[in-house]
């Protein structure tokens, strides 16, 4: 498998995102075994799983943005119709993941910390996306 070539700036974001994904995975594996051992679905288990899904969705959106930005930087062959559709999807959904803070008294501090760090990363990339869209609009005008 070929390694994705990223700009140094995007590589830093990619490495941070990948590190958070690995932490989330490690946490999820330990938590799933703990929840499965109880043999019942509790509000605490639902809070934990819900927060894990929110974290994963945020990090997947960041990875998607990085790959999209990388394709543009590399001048990959993307026809304008496809690019417009991707831009519309990004504006309408890529960053539409819930931004609710970790909630529920059952969410442990380690998961709250992971959620906060994923939210901060997500917010940074969301701002970068907004700046890139403003630049694109200014260039088109």
Protein backbone atom coordinates (compact mmCIF):
# COMPACT_ATOMS: atom_id res chain seq x y z
CA UNK A 1 0.00 0.00 0.00
CA UNK A 2 1.34 3.42 -0.97
CA UNK A 3 1.89 5.98 1.75
CA UNK A 4 -0.19 9.12 1.33
CA UNK A 5 1.98 12.15 0.65
CA UNK A 6 0.76 15.11 2.71
CA UNK A 7 2.06 18.61 3.21
CA UNK A 8 3.96 19.04 6.49
CA UNK A 9 0.99 20.99 7.91
CA UNK A 10 -1.53 18.30 6.94
CA UNK A 11 0.85 15.55 8.10
CA UNK A 12 0.79 17.05 11.61
CA UNK A 13 -3.03 17.06 11.61
CA UNK A 14 -3.08 13.52 10.17
CA UNK A 15 -0.70 12.23 12.85
CA UNK A 16 -2.74 13.86 15.61
CA UNK A 17 -5.98 12.45 14.21
CA UNK A 18 -4.52 8.98 13.77
CA UNK A 19 -3.19 9.04 17.33
CA UNK A 20 -6.65 9.96 18.66
CA UNK A 21 -8.21 7.18 16.56
CA UNK A 22 -5.80 4.67 18.08
CA UNK A 23 -6.62 5.91 21.58
CA UNK A 24 -10.35 5.69 20.85
CA UNK A 25 -9.92 2.16 19.51
CA UNK A 26 -7.93 1.05 22.54
CA UNK A 27 -10.48 2.57 24.87
CA UNK A 28 -13.37 1.01 22.95
CA UNK A 29 -11.90 -2.49 23.09
CA UNK A 30 -11.50 -2.30 26.85
CA UNK A 31 -14.94 -0.76 27.38
CA UNK A 32 -16.77 -3.21 25.11
CA UNK A 33 -15.44 -6.13 27.12
CA UNK A 34 -16.52 -4.42 30.34
CA UNK A 35 -20.03 -3.65 29.00
CA UNK A 36 -20.43 -7.15 27.53
CA UNK A 37 -19.48 -8.64 30.88
CA UNK A 38 -22.50 -7.02 32.49
CA UNK A 39 -24.92 -8.80 30.10
CA UNK A 40 -27.32 -5.87 30.17
CA UNK A 41 -27.68 -2.54 28.49
CA UNK A 42 -27.50 0.27 31.00
CA UNK A 43 -27.72 4.04 30.60
CA UNK A 44 -24.05 4.20 31.50
CA UNK A 45 -23.15 1.79 28.70
CA UNK A 46 -25.28 3.76 26.24
CA UNK A 47 -23.64 7.05 27.27
CA UNK A 48 -20.18 5.55 26.77
CA UNK A 49 -20.95 3.98 23.40
CA UNK A 50 -22.69 7.16 22.22
CA UNK A 51 -19.66 9.26 23.10
CA UNK A 52 -17.35 6.77 21.37
CA UNK A 53 -19.45 7.05 18.20
CA UNK A 54 -19.37 10.85 18.36
CA UNK A 55 -15.58 10.80 18.70
CA UNK A 56 -15.20 8.36 15.82
CA UNK A 57 -17.49 10.44 13.59
CA UNK A 58 -15.51 13.61 14.31
CA UNK A 59 -12.19 11.92 13.57
CA UNK A 60 -13.51 10.29 10.39
CA UNK A 61 -14.69 13.72 9.18
CA UNK A 62 -11.20 15.14 9.83
CA UNK A 63 -9.55 12.27 7.93
CA UNK A 64 -11.98 12.78 5.04
CA UNK A 65 -11.19 16.49 4.95
CA UNK A 66 -7.44 15.76 4.92
CA UNK A 67 -7.78 13.36 1.99
CA UNK A 68 -9.99 15.84 0.11
CA UNK A 69 -7.55 18.70 0.78
CA UNK A 70 -4.63 16.49 -0.24
CA UNK A 71 -6.30 15.62 -3.55
CA UNK A 72 -6.79 19.31 -4.30
CA UNK A 73 -3.20 20.16 -3.35
CA UNK A 74 -1.88 17.35 -5.54
CA UNK A 75 -4.00 18.55 -8.49
CA UNK A 76 -5.46 15.09 -8.82
CA UNK A 77 -7.75 14.69 -11.78
CA UNK A 78 -11.11 15.71 -10.37
CA UNK A 79 -13.58 16.98 -12.93
CA UNK A 80 -15.35 20.20 -11.96
CA UNK A 81 -18.77 18.53 -11.60
CA UNK A 82 -17.37 16.00 -9.14
CA UNK A 83 -15.50 18.73 -7.29
CA UNK A 84 -18.68 20.83 -7.02
CA UNK A 85 -20.59 17.83 -5.65
CA UNK A 86 -17.87 17.16 -3.09
CA UNK A 87 -17.82 20.82 -2.05
CA UNK A 88 -21.61 20.81 -1.64
CA UNK A 89 -21.43 17.63 0.44
CA UNK A 90 -18.69 19.14 2.59
CA UNK A 91 -20.74 22.28 3.18
CA UNK A 92 -23.91 20.33 3.93
CA UNK A 93 -22.66 17.40 5.93
CA UNK A 94 -18.95 16.81 6.38
CA UNK A 95 -18.79 19.15 9.34
CA UNK A 96 -22.36 18.58 10.48
CA UNK A 97 -21.35 16.02 13.09
CA UNK A 98 -22.79 16.82 16.46
CA UNK A 99 -20.66 19.11 18.54
CA UNK A 100 -22.31 18.24 21.83
CA UNK A 101 -19.86 17.98 24.69
CA UNK A 102 -19.38 14.68 26.44
CA UNK A 103 -22.41 14.29 28.65
CA UNK A 104 -23.89 11.89 31.07
CA UNK A 105 -22.65 11.14 34.52
CA UNK A 106 -21.51 7.74 33.26
CA UNK A 107 -18.89 9.06 30.81
CA UNK A 108 -15.54 8.46 32.54
CA UNK A 109 -12.94 11.26 32.72
CA UNK A 110 -10.57 9.52 30.29
CA UNK A 111 -13.32 9.41 27.65
CA UNK A 112 -14.32 13.03 28.36
CA UNK A 113 -10.68 14.03 27.78
CA UNK A 114 -10.54 12.11 24.51
CA UNK A 115 -13.84 13.72 23.44
CA UNK A 116 -12.52 17.19 24.26
CA UNK A 117 -9.30 16.65 22.29
CA UNK A 118 -11.23 15.28 19.29
CA UNK A 119 -13.58 18.30 19.45
CA UNK A 120 -10.66 20.73 19.51
CA UNK A 121 -9.07 19.05 16.50
CA UNK A 122 -12.42 18.99 14.71
CA UNK A 123 -12.97 22.70 15.42
CA UNK A 124 -9.49 23.57 14.08
CA UNK A 125 -10.09 21.68 10.85
CA UNK A 126 -13.57 23.19 10.55
CA UNK A 127 -11.99 26.68 10.72
CA UNK A 128 -9.39 25.66 8.12
CA UNK A 129 -12.18 24.43 5.86
CA UNK A 130 -14.06 27.73 6.23
CA UNK A 131 -10.89 29.69 5.37
CA UNK A 132 -10.23 27.46 2.34
CA UNK A 133 -13.78 27.98 1.10
CA UNK A 134 -13.42 31.77 1.48
CA UNK A 135 -10.14 31.63 -0.48
CA UNK A 136 -11.79 29.57 -3.21
CA UNK A 137 -14.72 32.01 -3.43
CA UNK A 138 -12.33 34.99 -3.59
CA UNK A 139 -10.29 33.28 -6.33
CA UNK A 140 -13.42 32.53 -8.36
CA UNK A 141 -14.64 36.13 -8.16
